[in-house]
């Protein structure tokens, strides 16, 4: 494991190469399959990475600056980033604000729900369920509920997610912090593939559809393996 200074926090990472893996919510760098290789890091508040104290909120922008700091430390040309859910927002923000930092991207379940008006009902129901879980079982129970809705039952993944509940809720509140217009998406001119996770819910698939339609150099995939999408970009 190595450490790099992000946007005010230390980030733990491992691996090398021209692929950087940006995990999503209730996860850490160990969530990625070994066969993907590349560089994987713990986003702030997760795993072995640092976080501000107290840590109760974040923004996509500050997490994007963390990623840019890591890219600078790696000093590798032609990097392709893979981002899952919140991590996909981080990658999109880097593509939007740091032209040339990435040569391509794979986005899994990008939660750009402002493009999906019908998602409001599902998001409100999810929020209500999480609030009830918080009241009845605390932060750990709420995180377990969120993961269960996404088909996650792995004991090790659940244990790591329970460890990092502060980061999860900081992410949850920060999902809506990315100002991303249709014009911003159309202006992205590097190859991007948008994928679904195996248990993606209908409103998540609709968001992925909307993002892929707007990307100038985008390709819409299904729930195929991320490795296959990477092979076409790297």
Foldseek 3Di string as FASTA:
>chain_A
DDWFDFLNKIKDKDFADQEEEAEDFLFAQVVDDPVLTHMYIGQDLADPIHHDPPQQADALVSSLRRVLRVLVVRVDAAHEYEAEASGLSSVLVCLLPPPRSHQEYEYELHPPLVLPVVCPVVVVVLVVVLVVLCVVPNLLSSQVVVVVLQVDDDPVSSVRSSVRSSVNNNSVVHSPRDDADLVSQLPRDHEYEYEYAPNDDPSSVVVSVSSQVSHNRYDYDYNDDVSVVVVVRD
